[in-house]
Amino acid sequence: MNARPEIVGFSPSDADLLLAMIGAAGGQELSVQRRPRPLGIKWGFTKSGGLGANTSGAVFLQEPTAAGWANHTEVIAWNRGSAIAGNKLLILISIDSRWCAFEVCP
């Protein structure tokens, strides 16, 4: 009978992805420099400078409040269409681990 446990190894990039999915493993803390991968669909809001056509830029994620919604975390979002003006409501959708911005038109 083999008393030694089997050792399973991962490439460094695979190990980073696995650790990112589970937050912290084995009492280890992940670097605060690592950003969580985007997931799901969120409300967003463009910064005052807007979001250029076919480019990426900083936008705000919004979170619910007692009175409605408020700008919260700043993230990078990709815009694959025409430019979106500043201070506009967005829907942010996670596509291939990137936030993709879509303007909400009235």
PDB file of N, CA and C in Angstrom:
ATOM      1  N   MET A   1       0.835  -1.173   0.000  1.00  0.00           N
ATOM      2  CA  MET A   1       0.000   0.000   0.000  1.00  0.00           C
ATOM      3  C   MET A   1       0.887   1.246   0.000  1.00  0.00           C
ATOM      4  N   ASN A   2       0.562   2.207  -0.844  1.00  0.00           N
ATOM      5  CA  ASN A   2       1.325   3.440  -0.957  1.00  0.00           C
ATOM      6  C   ASN A   2       0.796   4.456   0.049  1.00  0.00           C
ATOM      7  N   ALA A   3       1.628   4.873   1.007  1.00  0.00           N
ATOM      8  CA  ALA A   3       1.214   5.817   2.036  1.00  0.00           C
ATOM      9  C   ALA A   3       1.331   7.262   1.571  1.00  0.00           C
ATOM     10  N   ARG A   4       2.044   7.499   0.471  1.00  0.00           N
ATOM     11  CA  ARG A   4       2.213   8.872  -0.008  1.00  0.00           C
ATOM     12  C   ARG A   4       1.016   9.292  -0.852  1.00  0.00           C
ATOM     13  N   PRO A   5       0.525  10.496  -0.640  1.00  0.00           N
ATOM     14  CA  PRO A   5      -0.566  10.973  -1.503  1.00  0.00           C
ATOM     15  C   PRO A   5      -0.030  11.291  -2.893  1.00  0.00           C
ATOM     16  N   GLU A   6      -0.879  11.179  -3.885  1.00  0.00           N
ATOM     17  CA  GLU A   6      -0.480  11.545  -5.237  1.00  0.00           C
ATOM     18  C   GLU A   6      -0.361  13.056  -5.333  1.00  0.00           C
ATOM     19  N   ILE A   7       0.597  13.504  -6.074  1.00  0.00           N
ATOM     20  CA  ILE A   7       0.776  14.934  -6.294  1.00  0.00           C
ATOM     21  C   ILE A   7       0.266  15.250  -7.689  1.00  0.00           C
ATOM     22  N   VAL A   8      -0.591  16.269  -7.780  1.00  0.00           N
ATOM     23  CA  VAL A   8      -1.135  16.718  -9.060  1.00  0.00           C
ATOM     24  C   VAL A   8      -0.635  18.134  -9.290  1.00  0.00           C
ATOM     25  N   GLY A   9      -0.083  18.396 -10.455  1.00  0.00           N
ATOM     26  CA  GLY A   9       0.458  19.718 -10.750  1.00  0.00           C
ATOM     27  C   GLY A   9      -0.300  20.393 -11.882  1.00  0.00           C
ATOM     28  N   PHE A  10      -0.229  21.708 -11.900  1.00  0.00           N
ATOM     29  CA  PHE A  10      -0.850  22.519 -12.943  1.00  0.00           C
ATOM     30  C   PHE A  10       0.178  23.502 -13.467  1.00  0.00           C
ATOM     31  N   SER A  11      -0.001  23.928 -14.691  1.00  0.00           N
ATOM     32  CA  SER A  11       0.855  24.993 -15.212  1.00  0.00           C
ATOM     33  C   SER A  11       0.565  26.256 -14.398  1.00  0.00           C
ATOM     34  N   PRO A  12       1.523  27.179 -14.313  1.00  0.00           N
ATOM     35  CA  PRO A  12       1.283  28.395 -13.522  1.00  0.00           C
ATOM     36  C   PRO A  12       0.030  29.163 -13.951  1.00  0.00           C
ATOM     37  N   SER A  13      -0.226  29.262 -15.257  1.00  0.00           N
ATOM     38  CA  SER A  13      -1.410  30.008 -15.695  1.00  0.00           C
ATOM     39  C   SER A  13      -2.692  29.279 -15.302  1.00  0.00           C
ATOM     40  N   ASP A  14      -2.724  27.942 -15.430  1.00  0.00           N
ATOM     41  CA  ASP A  14      -3.901  27.185 -15.007  1.00  0.00           C
ATOM     42  C   ASP A  14      -4.100  27.290 -13.499  1.00  0.00           C
ATOM     43  N   ALA A  15      -3.019  27.242 -12.738  1.00  0.00           N
ATOM     44  CA  ALA A  15      -3.115  27.356 -11.279  1.00  0.00           C
ATOM     45  C   ALA A  15      -3.686  28.718 -10.889  1.00  0.00           C
ATOM     46  N   ASP A  16      -3.230  29.795 -11.555  1.00  0.00           N
ATOM     47  CA  ASP A  16      -3.768  31.132 -11.263  1.00  0.00           C
ATOM     48  C   ASP A  16      -5.256  31.205 -11.549  1.00  0.00           C
ATOM     49  N   LEU A  17      -5.681  30.624 -12.672  1.00  0.00           N
ATOM     50  CA  LEU A  17      -7.108  30.647 -13.015  1.00  0.00           C
ATOM     51  C   LEU A  17      -7.937  29.866 -12.002  1.00  0.00           C
ATOM     52  N   LEU A  18      -7.451  28.694 -11.586  1.00  0.00           N
ATOM     53  CA  LEU A  18      -8.171  27.899 -10.595  1.00  0.00           C
ATOM     54  C   LEU A  18      -8.262  28.635  -9.265  1.00  0.00           C
ATOM     55  N   LEU A  19      -7.173  29.239  -8.815  1.00  0.00           N
ATOM     56  CA  LEU A  19      -7.203  29.984  -7.563  1.00  0.00           C
ATOM     57  C   LEU A  19      -8.132  31.183  -7.653  1.00  0.00           C
ATOM     58  N   ALA A  20      -8.166  31.840  -8.809  1.00  0.00           N
ATOM     59  CA  ALA A  20      -9.055  32.996  -8.975  1.00  0.00           C
ATOM     60  C   ALA A  20     -10.519  32.585  -8.878  1.00  0.00           C
ATOM     61  N   MET A  21     -10.840  31.370  -9.316  1.00  0.00           N
ATOM     62  CA  MET A  21     -12.230  30.909  -9.269  1.00  0.00           C
ATOM     63  C   MET A  21     -12.697  30.595  -7.859  1.00  0.00           C
ATOM     64  N   ILE A  22     -11.784  30.196  -6.985  1.00  0.00           N
ATOM     65  CA  ILE A  22     -12.204  29.796  -5.641  1.00  0.00           C
ATOM     66  C   ILE A  22     -11.832  30.824  -4.578  1.00  0.00           C
ATOM     67  N   GLY A  23     -11.308  31.955  -4.976  1.00  0.00           N
ATOM     68  CA  GLY A  23     -11.016  33.016  -4.019  1.00  0.00           C
ATOM     69  C   GLY A  23      -9.721  32.799  -3.296  1.00  0.00           C
ATOM     70  N   ALA A  24      -9.715  32.000  -2.258  1.00  0.00           N
ATOM     71  CA  ALA A  24      -8.483  31.685  -1.528  1.00  0.00           C
ATOM     72  C   ALA A  24      -8.486  30.192  -1.274  1.00  0.00           C
ATOM     73  N   ALA A  25      -7.333  29.586  -1.386  1.00  0.00           N
ATOM     74  CA  ALA A  25      -7.246  28.137  -1.219  1.00  0.00           C
ATOM     75  C   ALA A  25      -6.149  27.804  -0.221  1.00  0.00           C
ATOM     76  N   GLY A  26      -6.419  26.861   0.639  1.00  0.00           N
ATOM     77  CA  GLY A  26      -5.406  26.395   1.573  1.00  0.00           C
ATOM     78  C   GLY A  26      -4.869  27.478   2.483  1.00  0.00           C
ATOM     79  N   GLY A  27      -5.688  28.476   2.770  1.00  0.00           N
ATOM     80  CA  GLY A  27      -5.252  29.546   3.649  1.00  0.00           C
ATOM     81  C   GLY A  27      -4.392  30.584   2.961  1.00  0.00           C
ATOM     82  N   GLN A  28      -4.161  30.430   1.666  1.00  0.00           N
ATOM     83  CA  GLN A  28      -3.366  31.409   0.946  1.00  0.00           C
ATOM     84  C   GLN A  28      -4.262  32.570   0.535  1.00  0.00           C
ATOM     85  N   GLU A  29      -3.716  33.766   0.586  1.00  0.00           N
ATOM     86  CA  GLU A  29      -4.457  34.918   0.110  1.00  0.00           C
ATOM     87  C   GLU A  29      -3.984  35.248  -1.293  1.00  0.00           C
ATOM     88  N   LEU A  30      -4.921  35.588  -2.142  1.00  0.00           N
ATOM     89  CA  LEU A  30      -4.555  35.992  -3.491  1.00  0.00           C
ATOM     90  C   LEU A  30      -4.092  37.432  -3.475  1.00  0.00           C
ATOM     91  N   SER A  31      -3.272  37.777  -4.419  1.00  0.00           N
ATOM     92  CA  SER A  31      -2.770  39.135  -4.513  1.00  0.00           C
ATOM     93  C   SER A  31      -3.919  40.115  -4.679  1.00  0.00           C
ATOM     94  N   VAL A  32      -3.836  41.256  -4.008  1.00  0.00           N
ATOM     95  CA  VAL A  32      -4.861  42.279  -4.175  1.00  0.00           C
ATOM     96  C   VAL A  32      -4.757  42.940  -5.540  1.00  0.00           C
ATOM     97  N   GLN A  33      -3.655  42.697  -6.257  1.00  0.00           N
ATOM     98  CA  GLN A  33      -3.488  43.248  -7.589  1.00  0.00           C
ATOM     99  C   GLN A  33      -4.348  42.521  -8.619  1.00  0.00           C
ATOM    100  N   ARG A  34      -4.741  41.293  -8.308  1.00  0.00           N
ATOM    101  CA  ARG A  34      -5.503  40.488  -9.251  1.00  0.00           C
ATOM    102  C   ARG A  34      -6.957  40.925  -9.256  1.00  0.00           C
ATOM    103  N   ARG A  35      -7.487  41.246 -10.423  1.00  0.00           N
ATOM    104  CA  ARG A  35      -8.889  41.656 -10.551  1.00  0.00           C
ATOM    105  C   ARG A  35      -9.750  40.435 -10.796  1.00  0.00           C
ATOM    106  N   PRO A  36     -10.938  40.408 -10.204  1.00  0.00           N
ATOM    107  CA  PRO A  36     -11.813  39.279 -10.477  1.00  0.00           C
ATOM    108  C   PRO A  36     -12.259  39.277 -11.930  1.00  0.00           C
ATOM    109  N   ARG A  37     -12.457  38.102 -12.462  1.00  0.00           N
ATOM    110  CA  ARG A  37     -12.917  38.004 -13.842  1.00  0.00           C
ATOM    111  C   ARG A  37     -14.366  38.433 -13.919  1.00  0.00           C
ATOM    112  N   PRO A  38     -14.739  39.195 -14.951  1.00  0.00           N
ATOM    113  CA  PRO A  38     -16.137  39.612 -15.086  1.00  0.00           C
ATOM    114  C   PRO A  38     -17.058  38.415 -15.219  1.00  0.00           C
ATOM    115  N   LEU A  39     -18.225  38.535 -14.655  1.00  0.00           N
ATOM    116  CA  LEU A  39     -19.196  37.456 -14.718  1.00  0.00           C
ATOM    117  C   LEU A  39     -20.598  38.030 -14.731  1.00  0.00           C
ATOM    118  N   GLY A  40     -21.412  37.620 -15.681  1.00  0.00           N
ATOM    119  CA  GLY A  40     -22.816  37.993 -15.690  1.00  0.00           C
ATOM    120  C   GLY A  40     -23.126  39.246 -16.475  1.00  0.00           C
ATOM    121  N   ILE A  41     -24.232  39.885 -16.068  1.00  0.00           N
ATOM    122  CA  ILE A  41     -24.734  41.099 -16.690  1.00  0.00           C
ATOM    123  C   ILE A  41     -24.911  42.128 -15.583  1.00  0.00           C
ATOM    124  N   LYS A  42     -24.405  43.328 -15.799  1.00  0.00           N
ATOM    125  CA  LYS A  42     -24.451  44.381 -14.790  1.00  0.00           C
ATOM    126  C   LYS A  42     -24.907  45.692 -15.419  1.00  0.00           C
ATOM    127  N   TRP A  43     -25.425  46.580 -14.565  1.00  0.00           N
ATOM    128  CA  TRP A  43     -25.653  47.955 -14.980  1.00  0.00           C
ATOM    129  C   TRP A  43     -24.318  48.672 -14.937  1.00  0.00           C
ATOM    130  N   GLY A  44     -24.137  49.627 -15.848  1.00  0.00           N
ATOM    131  CA  GLY A  44     -22.929  50.435 -15.861  1.00  0.00           C
ATOM    132  C   GLY A  44     -23.262  51.867 -16.213  1.00  0.00           C
ATOM    133  N   PHE A  45     -22.256  52.725 -16.137  1.00  0.00           N
ATOM    134  CA  PHE A  45     -22.437  54.143 -16.439  1.00  0.00           C
ATOM    135  C   PHE A  45     -21.124  54.670 -16.986  1.00  0.00           C
ATOM    136  N   THR A  46     -21.185  55.392 -18.113  1.00  0.00           N
ATOM    137  CA  THR A  46     -19.949  55.942 -18.664  1.00  0.00           C
ATOM    138  C   THR A  46     -19.451  57.083 -17.793  1.00  0.00           C
ATOM    139  N   LYS A  47     -18.139  57.254 -17.781  1.00  0.00           N
ATOM    140  CA  LYS A  47     -17.541  58.394 -17.103  1.00  0.00           C
ATOM    141  C   LYS A  47     -17.822  59.643 -17.947  1.00  0.00           C
ATOM    142  N   SER A  48     -17.489  60.800 -17.442  1.00  0.00           N
ATOM    143  CA  SER A  48     -17.821  62.053 -18.129  1.00  0.00           C
ATOM    144  C   SER A  48     -17.207  62.145 -19.526  1.00  0.00           C
ATOM    145  N   GLY A  49     -16.070  61.480 -19.749  1.00  0.00           N
ATOM    146  CA  GLY A  49     -15.425  61.520 -21.067  1.00  0.00           C
ATOM    147  C   GLY A  49     -16.024  60.569 -22.083  1.00  0.00           C
ATOM    148  N   GLY A  50     -16.933  59.698 -21.661  1.00  0.00           N
ATOM    149  CA  GLY A  50     -17.556  58.750 -22.575  1.00  0.00           C
ATOM    150  C   GLY A  50     -16.662  57.559 -22.884  1.00  0.00           C
ATOM    151  N   LEU A  51     -17.066  56.820 -23.897  1.00  0.00           N
ATOM    152  CA  LEU A  51     -16.348  55.615 -24.312  1.00  0.00           C
ATOM    153  C   LEU A  51     -16.238  55.654 -25.831  1.00  0.00           C
ATOM    154  N   GLY A  52     -15.008  55.705 -26.324  1.00  0.00           N
ATOM    155  CA  GLY A  52     -14.779  55.849 -27.755  1.00  0.00           C
ATOM    156  C   GLY A  52     -15.274  54.664 -28.572  1.00  0.00           C
ATOM    157  N   ALA A  53     -15.373  54.873 -29.884  1.00  0.00           N
ATOM    158  CA  ALA A  53     -15.817  53.828 -30.809  1.00  0.00           C
ATOM    159  C   ALA A  53     -14.743  52.758 -30.942  1.00  0.00           C
ATOM    160  N   ASN A  54     -15.172  51.509 -30.938  1.00  0.00           N
ATOM    161  CA  ASN A  54     -14.285  50.367 -31.167  1.00  0.00           C
ATOM    162  C   ASN A  54     -13.007  50.416 -30.317  1.00  0.00           C
ATOM    163  N   THR A  55     -13.170  50.640 -29.041  1.00  0.00           N
ATOM    164  CA  THR A  55     -12.032  50.726 -28.125  1.00  0.00           C
ATOM    165  C   THR A  55     -12.480  50.311 -26.732  1.00  0.00           C
ATOM    166  N   SER A  56     -11.550  50.329 -25.804  1.00  0.00           N
ATOM    167  CA  SER A  56     -11.888  50.057 -24.412  1.00  0.00           C
ATOM    168  C   SER A  56     -11.632  51.304 -23.588  1.00  0.00           C
ATOM    169  N   GLY A  57     -12.283  51.376 -22.436  1.00  0.00           N
ATOM    170  CA  GLY A  57     -12.092  52.513 -21.554  1.00  0.00           C
ATOM    171  C   GLY A  57     -12.734  52.252 -20.207  1.00  0.00           C
ATOM    172  N   ALA A  58     -12.475  53.150 -19.277  1.00  0.00           N
ATOM    173  CA  ALA A  58     -12.989  53.004 -17.921  1.00  0.00           C
ATOM    174  C   ALA A  58     -14.453  53.423 -17.841  1.00  0.00           C
ATOM    175  N   VAL A  59     -15.254  52.601 -17.181  1.00  0.00           N
ATOM    176  CA  VAL A  59     -16.662  52.887 -16.903  1.00  0.00           C
ATOM    177  C   VAL A  59     -16.926  52.483 -15.453  1.00  0.00           C
ATOM    178  N   PHE A  60     -18.083  52.850 -14.945  1.00  0.00           N
ATOM    179  CA  PHE A  60     -18.466  52.475 -13.595  1.00  0.00           C
ATOM    180  C   PHE A  60     -19.427  51.300 -13.612  1.00  0.00           C
ATOM    181  N   LEU A  61     -19.204  50.323 -12.730  1.00  0.00           N
ATOM    182  CA  LEU A  61     -20.240  49.349 -12.421  1.00  0.00           C
ATOM    183  C   LEU A  61     -21.200  50.049 -11.479  1.00  0.00           C
ATOM    184  N   GLN A  62     -22.482  49.718 -11.552  1.00  0.00           N
ATOM    185  CA  GLN A  62     -23.442  50.297 -10.625  1.00  0.00           C
ATOM    186  C   GLN A  62     -23.937  49.218  -9.675  1.00  0.00           C
ATOM    187  N   GLU A  63     -24.286  49.647  -8.473  1.00  0.00           N
ATOM    188  CA  GLU A  63     -24.830  48.725  -7.478  1.00  0.00           C
ATOM    189  C   GLU A  63     -26.140  49.292  -6.945  1.00  0.00           C
ATOM    190  N   PRO A  64     -27.037  48.404  -6.538  1.00  0.00           N
ATOM    191  CA  PRO A  64     -28.318  48.881  -6.021  1.00  0.00           C
ATOM    192  C   PRO A  64     -28.152  49.576  -4.669  1.00  0.00           C
ATOM    193  N   THR A  65     -28.957  50.602  -4.469  1.00  0.00           N
ATOM    194  CA  THR A  65     -29.022  51.313  -3.189  1.00  0.00           C
ATOM    195  C   THR A  65     -30.482  51.369  -2.766  1.00  0.00           C
ATOM    196  N   ALA A  66     -30.739  51.898  -1.600  1.00  0.00           N
ATOM    197  CA  ALA A  66     -32.122  52.027  -1.124  1.00  0.00           C
ATOM    198  C   ALA A  66     -32.940  52.942  -2.034  1.00  0.00           C
ATOM    199  N   ALA A  67     -32.272  53.911  -2.671  1.00  0.00           N
ATOM    200  CA  ALA A  67     -32.989  54.872  -3.510  1.00  0.00           C
ATOM    201  C   ALA A  67     -32.906  54.570  -5.008  1.00  0.00           C
ATOM    202  N   GLY A  68     -32.173  53.538  -5.401  1.00  0.00           N
ATOM    203  CA  GLY A  68     -32.037  53.230  -6.831  1.00  0.00           C
ATOM    204  C   GLY A  68     -30.715  52.556  -7.133  1.00  0.00           C
ATOM    205  N   TRP A  69     -29.842  53.268  -7.872  1.00  0.00           N
ATOM    206  CA  TRP A  69     -28.544  52.730  -8.274  1.00  0.00           C
ATOM    207  C   TRP A  69     -27.483  53.796  -8.100  1.00  0.00           C
ATOM    208  N   ALA A  70     -26.262  53.366  -7.796  1.00  0.00           N
ATOM    209  CA  ALA A  70     -25.148  54.301  -7.629  1.00  0.00           C
ATOM    210  C   ALA A  70     -23.899  53.735  -8.286  1.00  0.00           C
ATOM    211  N   ASN A  71     -23.073  54.645  -8.819  1.00  0.00           N
ATOM    212  CA  ASN A  71     -21.788  54.236  -9.389  1.00  0.00           C
ATOM    213  C   ASN A  71     -20.929  53.643  -8.282  1.00  0.00           C
ATOM    214  N   HIS A  72     -20.245  52.559  -8.616  1.00  0.00           N
ATOM    215  CA  HIS A  72     -19.462  51.872  -7.594  1.00  0.00           C
ATOM    216  C   HIS A  72     -18.038  51.683  -8.093  1.00  0.00           C
ATOM    217  N   THR A  73     -17.722  50.524  -8.580  1.00  0.00           N
ATOM    218  CA  THR A  73     -16.369  50.160  -8.985  1.00  0.00           C
ATOM    219  C   THR A  73     -16.087  50.599 -10.416  1.00  0.00           C
ATOM    220  N   GLU A  74     -14.874  51.100 -10.639  1.00  0.00           N
ATOM    221  CA  GLU A  74     -14.450  51.451 -11.989  1.00  0.00           C
ATOM    222  C   GLU A  74     -13.818  50.227 -12.631  1.00  0.00           C
ATOM    223  N   VAL A  75     -14.254  49.890 -13.848  1.00  0.00           N
ATOM    224  CA  VAL A  75     -13.728  48.741 -14.580  1.00  0.00           C
ATOM    225  C   VAL A  75     -13.442  49.152 -16.019  1.00  0.00           C
ATOM    226  N   ILE A  76     -12.701  48.306 -16.718  1.00  0.00           N
ATOM    227  CA  ILE A  76     -12.456  48.520 -18.147  1.00  0.00           C
ATOM    228  C   ILE A  76     -13.522  47.758 -18.926  1.00  0.00           C
ATOM    229  N   ALA A  77     -14.145  48.450 -19.873  1.00  0.00           N
ATOM    230  CA  ALA A  77     -15.169  47.833 -20.718  1.00  0.00           C
ATOM    231  C   ALA A  77     -14.811  48.068 -22.181  1.00  0.00           C
ATOM    232  N   TRP A  78     -15.235  47.147 -23.000  1.00  0.00           N
ATOM    233  CA  TRP A  78     -14.973  47.211 -24.439  1.00  0.00           C
ATOM    234  C   TRP A  78     -16.228  47.656 -25.163  1.00  0.00           C
ATOM    235  N   ASN A  79     -16.052  48.551 -26.121  1.00  0.00           N
ATOM    236  CA  ASN A  79     -17.146  49.042 -26.948  1.00  0.00           C
ATOM    237  C   ASN A  79     -16.818  48.692 -28.384  1.00  0.00           C
ATOM    238  N   ARG A  80     -17.651  47.872 -29.011  1.00  0.00           N
ATOM    239  CA  ARG A  80     -17.372  47.447 -30.381  1.00  0.00           C
ATOM    240  C   ARG A  80     -18.205  48.202 -31.404  1.00  0.00           C
ATOM    241  N   GLY A  81     -18.934  49.214 -30.953  1.00  0.00           N
ATOM    242  CA  GLY A  81     -19.770  49.993 -31.868  1.00  0.00           C
ATOM    243  C   GLY A  81     -19.326  51.445 -31.907  1.00  0.00           C
ATOM    244  N   SER A  82     -20.287  52.331 -32.212  1.00  0.00           N
ATOM    245  CA  SER A  82     -19.990  53.757 -32.263  1.00  0.00           C
ATOM    246  C   SER A  82     -19.780  54.300 -30.850  1.00  0.00           C
ATOM    247  N   ALA A  83     -19.189  55.482 -30.770  1.00  0.00           N
ATOM    248  CA  ALA A  83     -18.851  56.084 -29.477  1.00  0.00           C
ATOM    249  C   ALA A  83     -20.100  56.245 -28.606  1.00  0.00           C
ATOM    250  N   ILE A  84     -19.891  56.133 -27.294  1.00  0.00           N
ATOM    251  CA  ILE A  84     -20.967  56.337 -26.321  1.00  0.00           C
ATOM    252  C   ILE A  84     -20.599  57.584 -25.525  1.00  0.00           C
ATOM    253  N   ALA A  85     -21.511  58.538 -25.478  1.00  0.00           N
ATOM    254  CA  ALA A  85     -21.260  59.812 -24.799  1.00  0.00           C
ATOM    255  C   ALA A  85     -21.061  59.610 -23.298  1.00  0.00           C
ATOM    256  N   GLY A  86     -20.576  60.641 -22.652  1.00  0.00           N
ATOM    257  CA  GLY A  86     -20.375  60.601 -21.209  1.00  0.00           C
ATOM    258  C   GLY A  86     -21.687  60.607 -20.445  1.00  0.00           C
ATOM    259  N   ASN A  87     -21.659  60.042 -19.243  1.00  0.00           N
ATOM    260  CA  ASN A  87     -22.809  60.012 -18.332  1.00  0.00           C
ATOM    261  C   ASN A  87     -24.034  59.319 -18.941  1.00  0.00           C
ATOM    262  N   LYS A  88     -23.798  58.186 -19.584  1.00  0.00           N
ATOM    263  CA  LYS A  88     -24.884  57.403 -20.195  1.00  0.00           C
ATOM    264  C   LYS A  88     -24.995  56.047 -19.505  1.00  0.00           C
ATOM    265  N   LEU A  89     -26.217  55.549 -19.396  1.00  0.00           N
ATOM    266  CA  LEU A  89     -26.495  54.247 -18.806  1.00  0.00           C
ATOM    267  C   LEU A  89     -26.063  53.145 -19.771  1.00  0.00           C
ATOM    268  N   LEU A  90     -25.422  52.110 -19.216  1.00  0.00           N
ATOM    269  CA  LEU A  90     -24.936  50.976 -20.005  1.00  0.00           C
ATOM    270  C   LEU A  90     -25.466  49.673 -19.443  1.00  0.00           C
ATOM    271  N   ILE A  91     -25.497  48.667 -20.283  1.00  0.00           N
ATOM    272  CA  ILE A  91     -25.580  47.291 -19.830  1.00  0.00           C
ATOM    273  C   ILE A  91     -24.206  46.704 -20.120  1.00  0.00           C
ATOM    274  N   LEU A  92     -23.582  46.128 -19.095  1.00  0.00           N
ATOM    275  CA  LEU A  92     -22.279  45.499 -19.235  1.00  0.00           C
ATOM    276  C   LEU A  92     -22.476  43.991 -19.207  1.00  0.00           C
ATOM    277  N   ILE A  93     -22.014  43.348 -20.247  1.00  0.00           N
ATOM    278  CA  ILE A  93     -22.160  41.896 -20.376  1.00  0.00           C
ATOM    279  C   ILE A  93     -20.772  41.277 -20.441  1.00  0.00           C
ATOM    280  N   SER A  94     -20.575  40.197 -19.705  1.00  0.00           N
ATOM    281  CA  SER A  94     -19.298  39.494 -19.715  1.00  0.00           C
ATOM    282  C   SER A  94     -19.222  38.604 -20.952  1.00  0.00           C
ATOM    283  N   ILE A  95     -18.243  38.895 -21.813  1.00  0.00           N
ATOM    284  CA  ILE A  95     -17.993  38.084 -23.000  1.00  0.00           C
ATOM    285  C   ILE A  95     -16.505  37.749 -23.012  1.00  0.00           C
ATOM    286  N   ASP A  96     -16.169  36.474 -22.983  1.00  0.00           N
ATOM    287  CA  ASP A  96     -14.769  36.032 -22.982  1.00  0.00           C
ATOM    288  C   ASP A  96     -13.958  36.722 -21.888  1.00  0.00           C
ATOM    289  N   SER A  97     -14.546  36.812 -20.712  1.00  0.00           N
ATOM    290  CA  SER A  97     -13.899  37.386 -19.522  1.00  0.00           C
ATOM    291  C   SER A  97     -13.584  38.866 -19.643  1.00  0.00           C
ATOM    292  N   ARG A  98     -14.319  39.576 -20.477  1.00  0.00           N
ATOM    293  CA  ARG A  98     -14.189  41.035 -20.591  1.00  0.00           C
ATOM    294  C   ARG A  98     -15.570  41.652 -20.447  1.00  0.00           C
ATOM    295  N   TRP A  99     -15.612  42.840 -19.822  1.00  0.00           N
ATOM    296  CA  TRP A  99     -16.867  43.577 -19.808  1.00  0.00           C
ATOM    297  C   TRP A  99     -17.058  44.221 -21.167  1.00  0.00           C
ATOM    298  N   CYS A 100     -18.220  44.010 -21.764  1.00  0.00           N
ATOM    299  CA  CYS A 100     -18.565  44.620 -23.040  1.00  0.00           C
ATOM    300  C   CYS A 100     -19.735  45.552 -22.802  1.00  0.00           C
ATOM    301  N   ALA A 101     -19.589  46.804 -23.295  1.00  0.00           N
ATOM    302  CA  ALA A 101     -20.551  47.871 -23.002  1.00  0.00           C
ATOM    303  C   ALA A 101     -21.545  48.045 -24.139  1.00  0.00           C
ATOM    304  N   PHE A 102     -22.819  48.188 -23.747  1.00  0.00           N
ATOM    305  CA  PHE A 102     -23.903  48.462 -24.687  1.00  0.00           C
ATOM    306  C   PHE A 102     -24.731  49.603 -24.117  1.00  0.00           C
ATOM    307  N   GLU A 103     -24.878  50.664 -24.888  1.00  0.00           N
ATOM    308  CA  GLU A 103     -25.646  51.825 -24.405  1.00  0.00           C
ATOM    309  C   GLU A 103     -27.122  51.467 -24.310  1.00  0.00           C
ATOM    310  N   VAL A 104     -27.747  51.927 -23.246  1.00  0.00           N
ATOM    311  CA  VAL A 104     -29.186  51.762 -23.067  1.00  0.00           C
ATOM    312  C   VAL A 104     -29.849  52.996 -23.670  1.00  0.00           C
ATOM    313  N   CYS A 105     -30.590  52.804 -24.742  1.00  0.00           N
ATOM    314  CA  CYS A 105     -31.237  53.932 -25.413  1.00  0.00           C
ATOM    315  C   CYS A 105     -32.686  54.059 -24.926  1.00  0.00           C
ATOM    316  N   PRO A 106     -33.147  55.299 -24.750  1.00  0.00           N
ATOM    317  CA  PRO A 106     -34.532  55.490 -24.282  1.00  0.00           C
ATOM    318  C   PRO A 106     -35.539  55.076 -25.322  1.00  0.00           C
TER     319      PRO A 106
END
